[in-house]
């Protein structure tokens, strides 16, 4: 009986360590990332439903004066068209699965459209694949770790 209890305890401990390792891997995306062109910065965060990214800087988000943030004039929701693009949510709804963050949405403020998006870290570079329907016909944006 003691051997059985010991075996169950070892299995439980091993499972807890594996789950903790998976959570740590999933959270490895939580950082500030910068586009490879250095013209945008995004912070990836986690909430109760998964992961999301908010833009904390983007040269195209500013008016000609370089200080004032543009408004979200193309948003499909008329109530949101007067909001500033400062700290807007670029990516939402990401869940961690098999080493990738998938099933998310990315918002293109310039058109007011949303697209499907998956993220993956390869060799320290964040690859953001935006697409409609199938990833094969999408576009990849690369981000480097800032913090």
Protein backbone atom coordinates (compact mmCIF):
# COMPACT_ATOMS: atom_id res chain seq x y z
CA UNK A 1 0.00 0.00 0.00
CA UNK A 2 2.86 2.39 0.84
CA UNK A 3 4.40 1.75 -2.59
CA UNK A 4 1.10 2.58 -4.28
CA UNK A 5 0.73 5.84 -2.35
CA UNK A 6 4.34 6.75 -3.14
CA UNK A 7 3.74 6.04 -6.85
CA UNK A 8 0.57 8.20 -6.88
CA UNK A 9 2.45 11.02 -5.12
CA UNK A 10 5.25 10.88 -7.71
CA UNK A 11 2.74 10.94 -10.60
CA UNK A 12 0.92 13.91 -9.10
CA UNK A 13 4.14 15.85 -8.56
CA UNK A 14 5.36 15.07 -12.10
CA UNK A 15 2.06 16.23 -13.57
CA UNK A 16 2.18 19.49 -11.58
CA UNK A 17 5.73 20.22 -12.78
CA UNK A 18 4.73 19.53 -16.40
CA UNK A 19 1.70 21.81 -16.13
CA UNK A 20 3.80 24.57 -14.58
CA UNK A 21 6.37 24.22 -17.39
CA UNK A 22 3.61 24.51 -19.99
CA UNK A 23 2.24 27.64 -18.31
CA UNK A 24 5.72 29.16 -18.24
CA UNK A 25 6.18 28.40 -21.96
CA UNK A 26 2.77 29.89 -22.74
CA UNK A 27 3.63 33.05 -20.80
CA UNK A 28 6.96 33.45 -22.62
CA UNK A 29 5.17 35.75 -25.05
CA UNK A 30 4.36 38.30 -22.33
CA UNK A 31 6.81 41.07 -23.22
CA UNK A 32 7.12 44.27 -25.19
CA UNK A 33 7.90 43.56 -28.83
CA UNK A 34 9.12 45.94 -31.53
CA UNK A 35 8.69 45.60 -35.29
CA UNK A 36 11.90 44.74 -37.10
CA UNK A 37 11.63 48.15 -38.83
CA UNK A 38 11.47 49.75 -35.35
CA UNK A 39 8.32 51.68 -36.26
CA UNK A 40 5.93 50.02 -33.81
CA UNK A 41 5.85 48.57 -30.29
CA UNK A 42 3.31 46.13 -28.91
CA UNK A 43 2.90 44.81 -25.40
CA UNK A 44 1.56 41.26 -25.05
CA UNK A 45 -0.51 40.71 -21.92
CA UNK A 46 -2.64 37.95 -20.43
CA UNK A 47 -6.19 38.10 -19.11
CA UNK A 48 -8.71 35.50 -17.93
CA UNK A 49 -9.50 34.32 -21.48
CA UNK A 50 -6.02 34.25 -23.00
CA UNK A 51 -3.45 36.59 -24.50
CA UNK A 52 -3.77 39.94 -26.23
CA UNK A 53 -1.51 42.67 -27.55
CA UNK A 54 -1.91 46.41 -27.31
CA UNK A 55 -0.01 48.93 -29.38
CA UNK A 56 2.06 51.20 -27.21
CA UNK A 57 3.74 53.01 -30.07
CA UNK A 58 3.40 53.27 -33.82
CA UNK A 59 4.70 56.03 -36.05
CA UNK A 60 1.57 55.70 -38.23
CA UNK A 61 -0.66 56.16 -35.18
CA UNK A 62 0.37 59.81 -34.82
CA UNK A 63 -0.86 62.92 -36.58
CA UNK A 64 1.55 65.04 -38.63
CA UNK A 65 2.70 66.86 -35.46
CA UNK A 66 4.24 63.57 -34.25
CA UNK A 67 2.61 63.92 -30.81
CA UNK A 68 -1.16 63.67 -31.17
CA UNK A 69 -2.69 60.24 -31.62
CA UNK A 70 -5.06 59.70 -34.54
CA UNK A 71 -8.65 58.64 -33.97
CA UNK A 72 -10.05 55.24 -34.92
CA UNK A 73 -12.14 56.80 -37.72
CA UNK A 74 -12.57 53.58 -39.74
CA UNK A 75 -13.88 51.47 -36.86
CA UNK A 76 -17.03 49.56 -37.91
CA UNK A 77 -18.60 50.58 -34.58
CA UNK A 78 -19.59 54.28 -34.89
CA UNK A 79 -19.34 54.69 -31.11
CA UNK A 80 -15.59 53.88 -31.27
CA UNK A 81 -14.65 56.20 -34.14
CA UNK A 82 -13.78 59.05 -31.80
CA UNK A 83 -11.41 57.01 -29.60
CA UNK A 84 -7.70 57.65 -29.86
CA UNK A 85 -5.44 54.91 -31.19
CA UNK A 86 -3.21 55.27 -28.11
CA UNK A 87 -2.84 51.83 -26.48
CA UNK A 88 -5.51 50.26 -28.69
CA UNK A 89 -5.83 46.47 -28.71
CA UNK A 90 -4.15 45.21 -31.87
CA UNK A 91 -4.43 41.47 -31.17
CA UNK A 92 -7.04 39.69 -29.05
CA UNK A 93 -8.35 36.23 -28.23
CA UNK A 94 -5.09 34.29 -28.47
CA UNK A 95 -4.87 30.88 -26.80
CA UNK A 96 -1.73 28.79 -26.36
CA UNK A 97 -1.75 25.46 -28.16
CA UNK A 98 1.09 23.19 -29.27
CA UNK A 99 3.80 25.84 -28.93
CA UNK A 100 1.85 28.60 -30.70
CA UNK A 101 -0.68 31.28 -29.80
CA UNK A 102 -3.66 30.70 -32.08
CA UNK A 103 -7.30 31.57 -32.77
CA UNK A 104 -6.76 35.29 -32.31
CA UNK A 105 -7.98 38.36 -34.13
CA UNK A 106 -5.93 41.31 -35.33
CA UNK A 107 -7.48 44.72 -35.92
CA UNK A 108 -6.34 46.90 -38.84
CA UNK A 109 -7.29 50.44 -37.83
CA UNK A 110 -6.50 51.81 -41.31
CA UNK A 111 -9.37 49.83 -42.86
CA UNK A 112 -11.47 49.00 -39.80
CA UNK A 113 -11.16 45.30 -40.68
CA UNK A 114 -10.27 42.35 -38.47
CA UNK A 115 -8.37 39.26 -39.55
CA UNK A 116 -7.47 35.90 -38.05
CA UNK A 117 -4.01 35.78 -36.48
CA UNK A 118 -1.59 33.21 -35.08
CA UNK A 119 1.69 33.96 -33.30
CA UNK A 120 4.80 31.87 -32.89
CA UNK A 121 8.25 32.56 -31.45
CA UNK A 122 11.09 31.23 -33.61
CA UNK A 123 14.71 31.84 -32.59
CA UNK A 124 13.64 34.72 -30.34
CA UNK A 125 11.61 36.46 -33.07
CA UNK A 126 7.83 36.77 -32.82
CA UNK A 127 6.15 35.80 -36.10
CA UNK A 128 2.63 37.20 -36.39
CA UNK A 129 0.66 35.59 -39.23
CA UNK A 130 -2.49 37.53 -40.21
CA UNK A 131 -4.94 35.97 -42.65
CA UNK A 132 -8.53 35.51 -43.80
CA UNK A 133 -9.64 31.89 -43.75
CA UNK A 134 -6.34 30.06 -44.17
CA UNK A 135 -2.84 31.03 -42.96
CA UNK A 136 -1.35 30.04 -46.33
CA UNK A 137 -2.76 33.22 -47.92
CA UNK A 138 -1.74 35.60 -45.16
CA UNK A 139 1.02 38.00 -44.26
CA UNK A 140 3.69 37.61 -41.60
CA UNK A 141 4.92 40.51 -39.50
CA UNK A 142 8.09 39.95 -37.46
CA UNK A 143 8.70 41.49 -34.05
CA UNK A 144 11.83 41.47 -31.90
CA UNK A 145 11.95 41.33 -28.14
CA UNK A 146 12.31 44.77 -26.57
CA UNK A 147 11.89 43.97 -22.87
